[in-house]
Protein backbone atom coordinates (compact mmCIF):
# COMPACT_ATOMS: atom_id res chain seq x y z
CA MET A 1 72.23 159.24 54.33
CA THR A 2 70.30 156.02 54.86
CA LYS A 3 71.32 153.28 52.50
CA LYS A 4 68.49 151.51 50.67
CA SER A 5 68.13 147.78 51.07
CA PRO A 6 68.60 145.54 47.99
CA PHE A 7 64.86 144.84 48.04
CA SER A 8 63.89 148.52 47.96
CA ARG A 9 66.17 149.10 45.01
CA LEU A 10 64.38 146.38 43.07
CA LEU A 11 60.82 147.49 43.81
CA SER A 12 59.13 150.78 43.05
CA LYS A 13 55.71 152.05 44.03
CA LEU A 14 53.64 153.16 41.09
CA PRO A 15 51.67 156.41 41.00
CA GLY A 16 47.97 156.49 41.75
CA LYS A 17 45.25 158.52 40.07
CA ARG A 18 46.83 161.78 41.22
CA SER A 19 50.25 160.86 39.93
CA ASN A 20 50.27 163.79 37.51
CA ALA A 21 50.31 166.36 40.30
CA ARG A 22 53.79 167.83 40.69
CA GLN A 23 55.20 167.19 44.14
CA ASN A 24 58.22 169.45 43.66
CA PRO A 25 57.72 172.70 41.71
CA ASP A 26 61.44 172.81 40.94
CA GLU A 27 61.41 169.33 39.41
CA ASP A 28 62.76 169.15 35.87
CA ASP A 29 59.87 168.44 33.48
CA SER A 30 62.30 166.91 30.98
CA LYS A 31 62.88 163.93 33.27
CA PRO A 32 60.54 160.97 32.68
CA SER A 33 57.87 160.65 35.35
CA LEU A 34 56.68 157.34 36.74
CA PRO A 35 54.21 155.70 34.34
CA GLU A 36 50.90 154.42 35.61
CA LEU A 37 50.75 150.73 34.71
CA LYS A 38 47.83 148.37 34.29
CA LEU A 39 47.52 144.60 34.17
CA ILE A 40 45.15 143.84 31.29
CA PHE A 41 43.18 140.59 31.20
CA PHE A 42 41.71 139.18 27.99
CA ILE A 43 39.50 136.09 28.21
CA VAL A 44 38.71 134.63 24.79
CA ASP A 45 38.13 131.26 23.15
CA TRP A 46 41.39 129.32 22.99
CA HIS A 47 41.55 129.37 19.18
CA ARG A 48 41.41 133.18 19.26
CA ALA A 49 44.50 133.57 21.45
CA ASN A 50 46.65 134.08 18.36
CA VAL A 51 44.54 137.14 17.46
CA ILE A 52 45.49 138.76 20.76
CA SER A 53 49.16 137.83 20.28
CA ASP A 54 49.18 139.36 16.80
CA VAL A 55 47.87 142.65 18.19
CA PHE A 56 50.55 142.59 20.89
CA ASP A 57 53.24 142.15 18.24
CA GLU A 58 51.87 145.03 16.16
CA GLU A 59 51.57 147.33 19.18
CA ASN A 60 54.97 146.34 20.63
CA VAL A 61 53.53 145.07 23.91
CA ARG A 62 56.58 144.10 25.97
CA PHE A 63 55.22 141.55 28.43
CA HIS A 64 52.32 139.17 28.06
CA PHE A 65 51.40 135.76 29.43
CA ILE A 66 48.91 133.15 28.20
CA SER A 67 47.22 130.48 30.31
CA LYS A 68 44.70 127.87 29.23
CA GLY A 69 41.47 127.69 31.19
CA ARG A 70 37.84 126.69 30.81
CA GLY A 71 34.72 128.79 31.04
CA THR A 72 31.82 128.14 33.38
CA ALA A 73 29.19 130.65 32.28
CA ARG A 74 25.64 129.56 31.65
CA SER A 75 24.31 129.62 28.11
CA GLU A 76 22.29 132.83 28.57
CA VAL A 77 25.44 134.91 29.05
CA LEU A 78 27.65 133.25 26.42
CA ASP A 79 26.80 135.76 23.70
CA LEU A 80 27.37 138.67 26.06
CA LEU A 81 30.69 137.70 27.64
CA GLY A 82 32.12 134.88 25.57
CA ILE A 83 33.21 132.93 28.64
CA GLY A 84 31.25 129.71 28.26
CA ALA A 85 32.18 126.13 29.00
CA ASP A 86 34.76 125.71 26.20
CA ASP A 87 38.53 125.98 26.43
CA LYS A 88 39.56 129.56 27.09
CA ALA A 89 42.72 131.59 26.78
CA VAL A 90 43.45 133.90 29.69
CA VAL A 91 45.89 136.47 28.33
CA MET A 92 47.54 138.99 30.65
CA CYS A 93 49.80 141.87 29.68
CA LEU A 94 51.43 144.91 31.27
CA GLU A 95 50.90 148.29 29.65
CA GLN A 96 50.87 151.98 30.45
CA ALA A 97 47.43 153.27 31.41
CA VAL A 98 47.58 155.87 28.66
CA LEU A 99 47.77 153.12 26.02
CA VAL A 100 45.09 150.81 27.44
CA PRO A 101 42.25 152.30 25.31
CA VAL A 102 44.45 152.06 22.20
CA LEU A 103 45.22 148.40 22.83
CA LEU A 104 41.62 147.47 23.61
CA LYS A 105 40.39 149.22 20.49
CA GLU A 106 42.87 147.36 18.28
CA VAL A 107 41.89 144.00 19.78
CA ARG A 108 38.23 144.71 19.08
CA LYS A 109 39.08 145.55 15.48
CA LYS A 110 40.87 142.23 15.01
CA LEU A 111 37.97 140.32 16.57
CA LYS A 112 35.35 142.17 14.52
CA ASN A 113 34.61 139.18 12.29
CA ASN A 114 34.42 136.68 15.15
CA GLY A 115 30.77 137.38 15.91
CA PRO A 116 29.05 137.54 19.31
CA GLY A 117 30.83 136.14 22.32
CA ALA A 118 34.32 137.14 21.16
CA GLY A 119 35.40 137.55 24.78
CA ILE A 120 35.88 140.11 27.51
CA ALA A 121 38.70 142.40 28.64
CA PHE A 122 39.30 144.23 31.91
CA THR A 123 42.17 145.97 33.67
CA VAL A 124 43.57 145.91 37.20
CA PRO A 125 45.73 148.79 38.51
CA LEU A 126 49.20 147.93 39.84
CA SER A 127 50.60 149.41 43.06
CA ALA A 128 54.26 148.37 42.71
CA ILE A 129 56.64 146.64 40.31
CA ASN A 130 60.34 145.76 40.26
CA ASP A 131 62.63 148.54 39.03
CA PRO A 132 64.11 146.86 35.91
CA ILE A 133 60.62 146.40 34.45
CA LEU A 134 59.58 149.93 35.40
CA LEU A 135 62.68 151.36 33.72
CA ILE A 136 61.64 149.81 30.41
CA PHE A 137 58.31 151.65 30.53
CA LYS A 138 59.88 154.92 31.73
CA GLN A 139 62.10 155.03 28.65
CA SER A 140 59.08 155.39 26.37
CA ILE A 141 56.62 157.24 28.59
CA HIS A 142 56.60 160.50 26.61
CA LYS A 143 56.44 158.67 23.28
CA ASN A 144 53.43 156.65 24.40
CA GLU A 145 51.64 159.73 25.72
CA LYS A 146 52.09 161.44 22.36
CA ILE A 147 50.74 158.38 20.54
CA ALA A 148 47.63 158.34 22.72
CA GLU A 149 47.08 162.08 22.32
CA ALA A 150 47.49 161.86 18.53
CA LEU A 151 44.81 159.17 18.43
CA GLY A 152 42.49 161.23 20.62
CA GLN A 153 42.55 158.68 23.42
CA GLY A 154 42.57 161.03 26.39
CA GLN A 155 44.85 162.91 28.73
CA LYS A 156 48.21 162.02 30.20
CA GLY A 157 48.35 159.25 32.72
CA GLU A 158 44.62 158.56 32.80
CA GLY A 159 44.07 156.67 29.56
CA GLY A 160 41.10 158.89 28.77
CA LYS A 161 37.84 157.67 27.27
CA MET A 162 37.76 156.04 23.88
CA ALA A 163 35.65 157.93 21.40
CA GLY A 164 32.50 155.97 20.63
CA GLU A 165 33.33 153.24 23.16
CA SER A 166 30.81 153.81 25.91
CA THR A 167 31.37 150.25 27.19
CA VAL A 168 34.79 151.25 28.52
CA LYS A 169 34.63 152.87 31.95
CA GLN A 170 37.89 154.53 32.88
CA ASN A 171 39.11 154.96 36.47
CA ILE A 172 35.70 154.35 38.02
CA ILE A 173 35.85 151.28 40.24
CA THR A 174 32.46 149.64 39.70
CA ASN A 175 33.68 146.05 39.26
CA ASP A 176 35.93 143.59 41.07
CA LEU A 177 37.79 140.43 40.13
CA ILE A 178 37.19 137.69 42.69
CA ILE A 179 39.99 135.12 42.70
CA SER A 180 39.39 131.80 44.41
CA ILE A 181 41.97 129.03 44.83
CA VAL A 182 40.55 125.60 45.71
CA ASN A 183 41.62 121.98 45.61
CA GLN A 184 41.25 120.32 42.24
CA GLY A 185 37.75 119.09 41.52
CA TYR A 186 35.86 121.70 43.53
CA SER A 187 35.56 124.50 40.97
CA ASP A 188 32.11 123.37 39.76
CA GLU A 189 30.73 123.34 43.31
CA LEU A 190 32.29 126.75 43.96
CA MET A 191 30.73 128.20 40.80
CA ASN A 192 27.31 126.86 41.77
CA THR A 193 27.64 128.69 45.09
CA ALA A 194 28.86 131.83 43.33
CA ARG A 195 25.90 131.82 40.94
CA GLU A 196 23.43 131.44 43.80
CA ALA A 197 25.06 134.53 45.36
CA GLY A 198 24.77 136.56 42.16
CA ALA A 199 27.72 135.69 39.90
CA THR A 200 27.06 135.14 36.18
CA GLY A 201 30.10 133.00 35.37
CA GLY A 202 33.84 132.55 35.69
CA THR A 203 36.97 131.04 34.22
CA VAL A 204 38.94 128.16 35.73
CA ILE A 205 42.72 127.76 35.44
CA ASN A 206 44.64 124.71 36.64
CA ALA A 207 47.43 125.56 39.08
CA ARG A 208 49.84 123.98 41.54
CA GLY A 209 49.83 124.88 45.22
CA GLN A 210 52.75 125.17 47.61
CA ALA A 211 52.73 126.34 51.22
CA HIS A 212 55.25 126.87 53.99
CA GLU A 213 55.06 124.22 56.69
CA GLY A 214 54.25 126.86 59.31
CA ALA A 215 51.21 128.05 57.39
CA VAL A 216 49.96 124.49 57.05
CA LYS A 217 50.22 123.91 60.82
CA PHE A 218 48.62 127.27 61.61
CA PHE A 219 45.53 126.62 59.51
CA GLY A 220 45.41 122.93 60.41
CA VAL A 221 45.06 121.84 56.79
CA SER A 222 47.02 119.70 54.39
CA VAL A 223 47.98 121.36 51.13
CA GLN A 224 46.98 119.50 47.99
CA ASP A 225 49.40 120.10 45.13
CA GLU A 226 46.84 120.33 42.33
CA LYS A 227 44.72 123.47 42.57
CA GLU A 228 42.09 125.26 40.54
CA LEU A 229 42.15 129.04 40.27
CA ILE A 230 38.75 130.57 39.49
CA LEU A 231 38.38 134.11 38.12
CA ILE A 232 34.97 135.73 38.65
CA LEU A 233 34.32 139.22 37.31
CA THR A 234 31.44 140.87 39.14
CA SER A 235 29.92 144.23 39.95
CA ARG A 236 31.12 145.85 43.16
CA GLU A 237 27.71 145.67 44.84
CA LYS A 238 27.64 141.86 44.44
CA LYS A 239 31.23 141.26 45.52
CA THR A 240 30.72 141.00 49.28
CA SER A 241 27.79 138.58 49.12
CA ILE A 242 29.63 136.33 46.63
CA MET A 243 32.85 136.28 48.64
CA ARG A 244 31.01 135.63 51.90
CA ALA A 245 29.16 132.68 50.34
CA LEU A 246 32.37 131.24 48.92
CA CYS A 247 34.23 131.55 52.24
CA GLU A 248 31.41 129.98 54.24
CA THR A 249 30.87 127.06 51.84
CA HIS A 250 34.32 126.43 50.38
CA GLY A 251 36.74 128.03 52.87
CA LEU A 252 39.88 126.63 54.50
CA ASN A 253 37.90 124.48 56.92
CA THR A 254 36.18 122.60 54.07
CA LYS A 255 37.41 119.90 51.71
CA ALA A 256 37.86 122.57 49.01
CA GLN A 257 40.30 124.46 51.30
CA GLY A 258 39.50 127.65 49.43
CA ILE A 259 41.30 130.97 49.59
CA VAL A 260 39.26 133.91 48.32
CA PHE A 261 40.34 137.50 47.63
CA SER A 262 39.45 140.30 45.23
CA LEU A 263 41.12 142.96 43.11
CA PRO A 264 39.65 146.27 41.89
CA VAL A 265 38.83 146.41 38.18
CA ASP A 266 38.82 149.87 36.60
CA ASN A 267 38.00 149.03 32.96
CA VAL A 268 35.58 146.45 31.59
CA MET A 269 34.78 145.90 27.92
CA GLY A 270 33.15 143.20 25.82
CA LEU A 271 35.27 142.40 22.77
CA SER A 272 32.35 141.80 20.38
CA PHE A 273 31.13 144.31 17.81
CA GLU A 274 27.37 144.54 17.53
């Protein structure tokens, strides 16, 4: 029998959309299956970050991370998305797909009195995660599925569709998250290019860059420590044109030394009640 490497024992692939199909008919149904996990992003005004944290405490969310950023959206989309030019909180958490609609609904309830522009939320599917973290979610997979079913949130493993929440689109990839990493001071220029290509706005997070010496020599660039990470949520049909414009204008061969990539987004929801 082939012995697994230490790395393989610490990393597990997560199931895709068809994860509920039984691969082995003789498999014991009493054993916990692999949960489908999502990375949920919340982008809200900085002073509302505590509202998100309170919901996480009430819903026993195990892992969440908060970063401070700034919005770049033009005034005409502030009321719609809540990602304007003020200080923003970018809150990320891991959760089972089946509980995503529950969590989003509770956040909207808490933000009900915050008026238009409360923020935006979206989810990104995960393909793999280290085993110790996965084990924590496996221990409560059946319990979480029962909670979601009791609340009428959908079927196992898919998260379902929230009743009355037509703004939430489950498991249909119609949006993408474009992530750009540029040298500090170039985020405004990058956003101007992105808007000309069809983007409506984004959120900037300060970061610190590090690169292996070999990569630096290969690309022929010097790595500046201070970086800016720009998150741009866009529709799938606009993604290619935006990314192409960013690469041509702010790529590695420019002073911005930009790196651009995208992730699929399978749920998008405004956090405001109207």
